[in-house]
Amino acid sequence: MAEMLIDAQFMKSPMPVLRAARALRGMATGDKLRVLATDPEALSDFRDFCKTSGHALVATSEVRGVYSFTIRCQAEVAP
């Protein structure tokens, strides 16, 4: 299983989620994507994205204004 990191700090919503969605299209089932973001809206954006796309949001954290989201790629998710 591969792991990928996207640094989306200082990008406004919805850019962090759009970058994650693009990256996940090229990933295999079980691969993990970690996204760093500073926009507070990213928390609800990533929850909604994972709920609708079928990918698994496996971890979230926030340290000094930087949010970290770990997403596990799921197979054959809805477009």
PDB file of N, CA and C in Angstrom:
ATOM      1  N   MET A   1       0.834  -1.190   0.000  1.00  0.00           N
ATOM      2  CA  MET A   1       0.000   0.000   0.000  1.00  0.00           C
ATOM      3  C   MET A   1       0.873   1.245   0.000  1.00  0.00           C
ATOM      4  N   ALA A   2       0.554   2.132  -0.881  1.00  0.00           N
ATOM      5  CA  ALA A   2       1.309   3.372  -1.004  1.00  0.00           C
ATOM      6  C   ALA A   2       0.673   4.467  -0.150  1.00  0.00           C
ATOM      7  N   GLU A   3       1.489   5.451   0.173  1.00  0.00           N
ATOM      8  CA  GLU A   3       0.994   6.629   0.876  1.00  0.00           C
ATOM      9  C   GLU A   3       1.437   7.858   0.106  1.00  0.00           C
ATOM     10  N   MET A   4       0.545   8.839   0.027  1.00  0.00           N
ATOM     11  CA  MET A   4       0.826  10.069  -0.704  1.00  0.00           C
ATOM     12  C   MET A   4       0.497  11.250   0.197  1.00  0.00           C
ATOM     13  N   LEU A   5       1.218  12.351   0.029  1.00  0.00           N
ATOM     14  CA  LEU A   5       0.984  13.566   0.811  1.00  0.00           C
ATOM     15  C   LEU A   5       0.685  14.722  -0.128  1.00  0.00           C
ATOM     16  N   ILE A   6      -0.366  15.461   0.193  1.00  0.00           N
ATOM     17  CA  ILE A   6      -0.685  16.695  -0.524  1.00  0.00           C
ATOM     18  C   ILE A   6      -0.632  17.834   0.480  1.00  0.00           C
ATOM     19  N   ASP A   7       0.188  18.837   0.190  1.00  0.00           N
ATOM     20  CA  ASP A   7       0.255  20.028   1.028  1.00  0.00           C
ATOM     21  C   ASP A   7      -0.654  21.082   0.406  1.00  0.00           C
ATOM     22  N   ALA A   8      -1.833  21.237   0.971  1.00  0.00           N
ATOM     23  CA  ALA A   8      -2.810  22.206   0.470  1.00  0.00           C
ATOM     24  C   ALA A   8      -2.970  23.366   1.453  1.00  0.00           C
ATOM     25  N   GLN A   9      -1.927  23.634   2.219  1.00  0.00           N
ATOM     26  CA  GLN A   9      -1.985  24.735   3.174  1.00  0.00           C
ATOM     27  C   GLN A   9      -2.157  26.051   2.420  1.00  0.00           C
ATOM     28  N   PHE A  10      -2.945  26.928   2.996  1.00  0.00           N
ATOM     29  CA  PHE A  10      -3.223  28.272   2.492  1.00  0.00           C
ATOM     30  C   PHE A  10      -4.117  28.283   1.255  1.00  0.00           C
ATOM     31  N   MET A  11      -4.630  27.120   0.853  1.00  0.00           N
ATOM     32  CA  MET A  11      -5.611  27.065  -0.229  1.00  0.00           C
ATOM     33  C   MET A  11      -6.999  27.168   0.387  1.00  0.00           C
ATOM     34  N   LYS A  12      -7.861  27.909  -0.266  1.00  0.00           N
ATOM     35  CA  LYS A  12      -9.234  28.081   0.207  1.00  0.00           C
ATOM     36  C   LYS A  12     -10.113  26.944  -0.299  1.00  0.00           C
ATOM     37  N   SER A  13     -11.171  26.674   0.454  1.00  0.00           N
ATOM     38  CA  SER A  13     -12.169  25.682   0.073  1.00  0.00           C
ATOM     39  C   SER A  13     -12.748  26.069  -1.286  1.00  0.00           C
ATOM     40  N   PRO A  14     -12.940  25.149  -2.166  1.00  0.00           N
ATOM     41  CA  PRO A  14     -12.852  23.694  -2.073  1.00  0.00           C
ATOM     42  C   PRO A  14     -11.551  23.101  -2.622  1.00  0.00           C
ATOM     43  N   MET A  15     -10.516  23.914  -2.813  1.00  0.00           N
ATOM     44  CA  MET A  15      -9.294  23.436  -3.472  1.00  0.00           C
ATOM     45  C   MET A  15      -8.651  22.221  -2.802  1.00  0.00           C
ATOM     46  N   PRO A  16      -8.525  22.150  -1.467  1.00  0.00           N
ATOM     47  CA  PRO A  16      -7.912  20.951  -0.876  1.00  0.00           C
ATOM     48  C   PRO A  16      -8.662  19.665  -1.239  1.00  0.00           C
ATOM     49  N   VAL A  17      -9.992  19.714  -1.219  1.00  0.00           N
ATOM     50  CA  VAL A  17     -10.783  18.527  -1.556  1.00  0.00           C
ATOM     51  C   VAL A  17     -10.652  18.196  -3.041  1.00  0.00           C
ATOM     52  N   LEU A  18     -10.641  19.202  -3.888  1.00  0.00           N
ATOM     53  CA  LEU A  18     -10.493  18.949  -5.324  1.00  0.00           C
ATOM     54  C   LEU A  18      -9.143  18.309  -5.635  1.00  0.00           C
ATOM     55  N   ARG A  19      -8.096  18.772  -4.974  1.00  0.00           N
ATOM     56  CA  ARG A  19      -6.772  18.161  -5.186  1.00  0.00           C
ATOM     57  C   ARG A  19      -6.753  16.727  -4.681  1.00  0.00           C
ATOM     58  N   ALA A  20      -7.420  16.477  -3.554  1.00  0.00           N
ATOM     59  CA  ALA A  20      -7.490  15.116  -3.017  1.00  0.00           C
ATOM     60  C   ALA A  20      -8.262  14.204  -3.962  1.00  0.00           C
ATOM     61  N   ALA A  21      -9.388  14.681  -4.470  1.00  0.00           N
ATOM     62  CA  ALA A  21     -10.205  13.868  -5.381  1.00  0.00           C
ATOM     63  C   ALA A  21      -9.411  13.485  -6.620  1.00  0.00           C
ATOM     64  N   ARG A  22      -8.663  14.422  -7.146  1.00  0.00           N
ATOM     65  CA  ARG A  22      -7.838  14.141  -8.330  1.00  0.00           C
ATOM     66  C   ARG A  22      -6.779  13.090  -8.015  1.00  0.00           C
ATOM     67  N   ALA A  23      -6.125  13.213  -6.877  1.00  0.00           N
ATOM     68  CA  ALA A  23      -5.083  12.255  -6.496  1.00  0.00           C
ATOM     69  C   ALA A  23      -5.665  10.866  -6.271  1.00  0.00           C
ATOM     70  N   LEU A  24      -6.816  10.791  -5.626  1.00  0.00           N
ATOM     71  CA  LEU A  24      -7.429   9.496  -5.321  1.00  0.00           C
ATOM     72  C   LEU A  24      -7.826   8.731  -6.578  1.00  0.00           C
ATOM     73  N   ARG A  25      -8.140   9.435  -7.659  1.00  0.00           N
ATOM     74  CA  ARG A  25      -8.494   8.757  -8.909  1.00  0.00           C
ATOM     75  C   ARG A  25      -7.346   7.901  -9.432  1.00  0.00           C
ATOM     76  N   GLY A  26      -6.119   8.274  -9.117  1.00  0.00           N
ATOM     77  CA  GLY A  26      -4.963   7.526  -9.595  1.00  0.00           C
ATOM     78  C   GLY A  26      -4.390   6.554  -8.582  1.00  0.00           C
ATOM     79  N   MET A  27      -5.076   6.363  -7.464  1.00  0.00           N
ATOM     80  CA  MET A  27      -4.561   5.506  -6.403  1.00  0.00           C
ATOM     81  C   MET A  27      -5.282   4.163  -6.383  1.00  0.00           C
ATOM     82  N   ALA A  28      -4.622   3.161  -5.826  1.00  0.00           N
ATOM     83  CA  ALA A  28      -5.192   1.816  -5.729  1.00  0.00           C
ATOM     84  C   ALA A  28      -5.961   1.659  -4.420  1.00  0.00           C
ATOM     85  N   THR A  29      -6.855   0.694  -4.402  1.00  0.00           N
ATOM     86  CA  THR A  29      -7.616   0.385  -3.198  1.00  0.00           C
ATOM     87  C   THR A  29      -6.665   0.114  -2.034  1.00  0.00           C
ATOM     88  N   GLY A  30      -6.936   0.739  -0.910  1.00  0.00           N
ATOM     89  CA  GLY A  30      -6.119   0.551   0.280  1.00  0.00           C
ATOM     90  C   GLY A  30      -5.002   1.568   0.432  1.00  0.00           C
ATOM     91  N   ASP A  31      -4.645   2.262  -0.657  1.00  0.00           N
ATOM     92  CA  ASP A  31      -3.631   3.311  -0.563  1.00  0.00           C
ATOM     93  C   ASP A  31      -4.151   4.430   0.328  1.00  0.00           C
ATOM     94  N   LYS A  32      -3.229   5.146   0.962  1.00  0.00           N
ATOM     95  CA  LYS A  32      -3.622   6.241   1.847  1.00  0.00           C
ATOM     96  C   LYS A  32      -3.132   7.572   1.305  1.00  0.00           C
ATOM     97  N   LEU A  33      -3.974   8.567   1.484  1.00  0.00           N
ATOM     98  CA  LEU A  33      -3.663   9.932   1.089  1.00  0.00           C
ATOM     99  C   LEU A  33      -3.754  10.804   2.329  1.00  0.00           C
ATOM    100  N   ARG A  34      -2.708  11.575   2.580  1.00  0.00           N
ATOM    101  CA  ARG A  34      -2.719  12.523   3.696  1.00  0.00           C
ATOM    102  C   ARG A  34      -2.725  13.921   3.104  1.00  0.00           C
ATOM    103  N   VAL A  35      -3.639  14.746   3.585  1.00  0.00           N
ATOM    104  CA  VAL A  35      -3.770  16.112   3.090  1.00  0.00           C
ATOM    105  C   VAL A  35      -3.586  17.074   4.252  1.00  0.00           C
ATOM    106  N   LEU A  36      -2.744  18.080   4.054  1.00  0.00           N
ATOM    107  CA  LEU A  36      -2.562  19.147   5.033  1.00  0.00           C
ATOM    108  C   LEU A  36      -3.285  20.381   4.515  1.00  0.00           C
ATOM    109  N   ALA A  37      -4.085  21.006   5.371  1.00  0.00           N
ATOM    110  CA  ALA A  37      -4.857  22.186   4.974  1.00  0.00           C
ATOM    111  C   ALA A  37      -4.954  23.150   6.150  1.00  0.00           C
ATOM    112  N   THR A  38      -5.134  24.426   5.840  1.00  0.00           N
ATOM    113  CA  THR A  38      -5.271  25.435   6.895  1.00  0.00           C
ATOM    114  C   THR A  38      -6.649  26.093   6.903  1.00  0.00           C
ATOM    115  N   ASP A  39      -7.450  25.852   5.894  1.00  0.00           N
ATOM    116  CA  ASP A  39      -8.797  26.424   5.836  1.00  0.00           C
ATOM    117  C   ASP A  39      -9.703  25.656   6.800  1.00  0.00           C
ATOM    118  N   PRO A  40     -10.301  26.322   7.790  1.00  0.00           N
ATOM    119  CA  PRO A  40     -11.168  25.629   8.749  1.00  0.00           C
ATOM    120  C   PRO A  40     -12.353  24.912   8.101  1.00  0.00           C
ATOM    121  N   GLU A  41     -12.782  25.360   6.929  1.00  0.00           N
ATOM    122  CA  GLU A  41     -13.887  24.695   6.235  1.00  0.00           C
ATOM    123  C   GLU A  41     -13.495  23.306   5.734  1.00  0.00           C
ATOM    124  N   ALA A  42     -12.208  23.026   5.693  1.00  0.00           N
ATOM    125  CA  ALA A  42     -11.739  21.734   5.180  1.00  0.00           C
ATOM    126  C   ALA A  42     -12.286  20.573   6.009  1.00  0.00           C
ATOM    127  N   LEU A  43     -12.484  20.775   7.295  1.00  0.00           N
ATOM    128  CA  LEU A  43     -12.980  19.690   8.144  1.00  0.00           C
ATOM    129  C   LEU A  43     -14.331  19.177   7.643  1.00  0.00           C
ATOM    130  N   SER A  44     -15.274  20.061   7.444  1.00  0.00           N
ATOM    131  CA  SER A  44     -16.579  19.612   6.936  1.00  0.00           C
ATOM    132  C   SER A  44     -16.491  19.198   5.471  1.00  0.00           C
ATOM    133  N   ASP A  45     -15.635  19.856   4.703  1.00  0.00           N
ATOM    134  CA  ASP A  45     -15.475  19.492   3.290  1.00  0.00           C
ATOM    135  C   ASP A  45     -15.016  18.047   3.140  1.00  0.00           C
ATOM    136  N   PHE A  46     -14.012  17.639   3.917  1.00  0.00           N
ATOM    137  CA  PHE A  46     -13.486  16.280   3.792  1.00  0.00           C
ATOM    138  C   PHE A  46     -14.467  15.240   4.330  1.00  0.00           C
ATOM    139  N   ARG A  47     -15.186  15.578   5.391  1.00  0.00           N
ATOM    140  CA  ARG A  47     -16.211  14.649   5.893  1.00  0.00           C
ATOM    141  C   ARG A  47     -17.280  14.413   4.830  1.00  0.00           C
ATOM    142  N   ASP A  48     -17.757  15.490   4.232  1.00  0.00           N
ATOM    143  CA  ASP A  48     -18.785  15.372   3.195  1.00  0.00           C
ATOM    144  C   ASP A  48     -18.254  14.631   1.972  1.00  0.00           C
ATOM    145  N   PHE A  49     -17.038  14.961   1.558  1.00  0.00           N
ATOM    146  CA  PHE A  49     -16.446  14.311   0.391  1.00  0.00           C
ATOM    147  C   PHE A  49     -16.343  12.803   0.591  1.00  0.00           C
ATOM    148  N   CYS A  50     -15.838  12.386   1.738  1.00  0.00           N
ATOM    149  CA  CYS A  50     -15.675  10.948   1.987  1.00  0.00           C
ATOM    150  C   CYS A  50     -17.024  10.248   2.087  1.00  0.00           C
ATOM    151  N   LYS A  51     -17.990  10.905   2.680  1.00  0.00           N
ATOM    152  CA  LYS A  51     -19.329  10.308   2.793  1.00  0.00           C
ATOM    153  C   LYS A  51     -19.945  10.093   1.410  1.00  0.00           C
ATOM    154  N   THR A  52     -19.796  11.053   0.520  1.00  0.00           N
ATOM    155  CA  THR A  52     -20.418  10.938  -0.800  1.00  0.00           C
ATOM    156  C   THR A  52     -19.592  10.130  -1.791  1.00  0.00           C
ATOM    157  N   SER A  53     -18.276  10.092  -1.621  1.00  0.00           N
ATOM    158  CA  SER A  53     -17.415   9.402  -2.594  1.00  0.00           C
ATOM    159  C   SER A  53     -17.184   7.938  -2.245  1.00  0.00           C
ATOM    160  N   GLY A  54     -17.370   7.593  -0.971  1.00  0.00           N
ATOM    161  CA  GLY A  54     -17.133   6.212  -0.558  1.00  0.00           C
ATOM    162  C   GLY A  54     -15.740   5.948  -0.031  1.00  0.00           C
ATOM    163  N   HIS A  55     -14.853   6.932  -0.113  1.00  0.00           N
ATOM    164  CA  HIS A  55     -13.523   6.772   0.471  1.00  0.00           C
ATOM    165  C   HIS A  55     -13.648   6.870   1.994  1.00  0.00           C
ATOM    166  N   ALA A  56     -12.664   6.333   2.714  1.00  0.00           N
ATOM    167  CA  ALA A  56     -12.726   6.305   4.175  1.00  0.00           C
ATOM    168  C   ALA A  56     -11.835   7.387   4.780  1.00  0.00           C
ATOM    169  N   LEU A  57     -12.435   8.264   5.563  1.00  0.00           N
ATOM    170  CA  LEU A  57     -11.678   9.258   6.320  1.00  0.00           C
ATOM    171  C   LEU A  57     -11.237   8.571   7.601  1.00  0.00           C
ATOM    172  N   VAL A  58      -9.968   8.161   7.667  1.00  0.00           N
ATOM    173  CA  VAL A  58      -9.515   7.326   8.777  1.00  0.00           C
ATOM    174  C   VAL A  58      -8.883   8.110   9.920  1.00  0.00           C
ATOM    175  N   ALA A  59      -8.474   9.356   9.675  1.00  0.00           N
ATOM    176  CA  ALA A  59      -7.888  10.148  10.759  1.00  0.00           C
ATOM    177  C   ALA A  59      -7.974  11.629  10.427  1.00  0.00           C
ATOM    178  N   THR A  60      -8.217  12.425  11.462  1.00  0.00           N
ATOM    179  CA  THR A  60      -8.161  13.881  11.342  1.00  0.00           C
ATOM    180  C   THR A  60      -7.467  14.415  12.582  1.00  0.00           C
ATOM    181  N   SER A  61      -6.739  15.499  12.406  1.00  0.00           N
ATOM    182  CA  SER A  61      -6.119  16.156  13.552  1.00  0.00           C
ATOM    183  C   SER A  61      -5.877  17.617  13.198  1.00  0.00           C
ATOM    184  N   GLU A  62      -5.596  18.404  14.227  1.00  0.00           N
ATOM    185  CA  GLU A  62      -5.298  19.818  14.036  1.00  0.00           C
ATOM    186  C   GLU A  62      -4.205  20.204  15.014  1.00  0.00           C
ATOM    187  N   VAL A  63      -3.144  20.776  14.492  1.00  0.00           N
ATOM    188  CA  VAL A  63      -2.037  21.252  15.315  1.00  0.00           C
ATOM    189  C   VAL A  63      -1.670  22.649  14.830  1.00  0.00           C
ATOM    190  N   ARG A  64      -1.818  23.623  15.716  1.00  0.00           N
ATOM    191  CA  ARG A  64      -1.471  25.012  15.421  1.00  0.00           C
ATOM    192  C   ARG A  64      -2.065  25.526  14.114  1.00  0.00           C
ATOM    193  N   GLY A  65      -3.331  25.203  13.899  1.00  0.00           N
ATOM    194  CA  GLY A  65      -4.023  25.713  12.727  1.00  0.00           C
ATOM    195  C   GLY A  65      -3.820  24.932  11.443  1.00  0.00           C
ATOM    196  N   VAL A  66      -3.072  23.840  11.516  1.00  0.00           N
ATOM    197  CA  VAL A  66      -2.880  22.987  10.338  1.00  0.00           C
ATOM    198  C   VAL A  66      -3.673  21.705  10.556  1.00  0.00           C
ATOM    199  N   TYR A  67      -4.615  21.470   9.663  1.00  0.00           N
ATOM    200  CA  TYR A  67      -5.451  20.273   9.722  1.00  0.00           C
ATOM    201  C   TYR A  67      -4.809  19.176   8.892  1.00  0.00           C
ATOM    202  N   SER A  68      -4.864  17.961   9.415  1.00  0.00           N
ATOM    203  CA  SER A  68      -4.347  16.794   8.706  1.00  0.00           C
ATOM    204  C   SER A  68      -5.493  15.807   8.520  1.00  0.00           C
ATOM    205  N   PHE A  69      -5.655  15.346   7.292  1.00  0.00           N
ATOM    206  CA  PHE A  69      -6.705  14.385   6.950  1.00  0.00           C
ATOM    207  C   PHE A  69      -6.055  13.176   6.300  1.00  0.00           C
ATOM    208  N   THR A  70      -6.361  11.993   6.798  1.00  0.00           N
ATOM    209  CA  THR A  70      -5.870  10.765   6.184  1.00  0.00           C
ATOM    210  C   THR A  70      -7.062  10.025   5.608  1.00  0.00           C
ATOM    211  N   ILE A  71      -6.975   9.750   4.315  1.00  0.00           N
ATOM    212  CA  ILE A  71      -8.067   9.108   3.581  1.00  0.00           C
ATOM    213  C   ILE A  71      -7.556   7.802   2.996  1.00  0.00           C
ATOM    214  N   ARG A  72      -8.340   6.734   3.176  1.00  0.00           N
ATOM    215  CA  ARG A  72      -7.998   5.443   2.560  1.00  0.00           C
ATOM    216  C   ARG A  72      -8.838   5.287   1.299  1.00  0.00           C
ATOM    217  N   CYS A  73      -8.169   5.028   0.198  1.00  0.00           N
ATOM    218  CA  CYS A  73      -8.834   4.867  -1.093  1.00  0.00           C
ATOM    219  C   CYS A  73      -9.638   3.572  -1.103  1.00  0.00           C
ATOM    220  N   GLN A  74     -10.875   3.667  -1.550  1.00  0.00           N
ATOM    221  CA  GLN A  74     -11.753   2.501  -1.663  1.00  0.00           C
ATOM    222  C   GLN A  74     -11.954   2.175  -3.140  1.00  0.00           C
ATOM    223  N   ALA A  75     -12.187   0.913  -3.437  1.00  0.00           N
ATOM    224  CA  ALA A  75     -12.370   0.465  -4.819  1.00  0.00           C
ATOM    225  C   ALA A  75     -13.725   0.864  -5.366  1.00  0.00           C
ATOM    226  N   GLU A  76     -13.745   1.113  -6.656  1.00  0.00           N
ATOM    227  CA  GLU A  76     -14.992   1.325  -7.393  1.00  0.00           C
ATOM    228  C   GLU A  76     -15.948   2.271  -6.683  1.00  0.00           C
ATOM    229  N   VAL A  77     -15.447   3.447  -6.354  1.00  0.00           N
ATOM    230  CA  VAL A  77     -16.295   4.429  -5.687  1.00  0.00           C
ATOM    231  C   VAL A  77     -17.110   5.184  -6.722  1.00  0.00           C
ATOM    232  N   ALA A  78     -18.162   5.815  -6.252  1.00  0.00           N
ATOM    233  CA  ALA A  78     -19.017   6.596  -7.148  1.00  0.00           C
ATOM    234  C   ALA A  78     -18.227   7.763  -7.727  1.00  0.00           C
ATOM    235  N   PRO A  79     -18.493   8.141  -8.972  1.00  0.00           N
ATOM    236  CA  PRO A  79     -17.757   9.259  -9.592  1.00  0.00           C
ATOM    237  C   PRO A  79     -18.092  10.591  -8.957  1.00  0.00           C
TER     238      PRO A  79
END
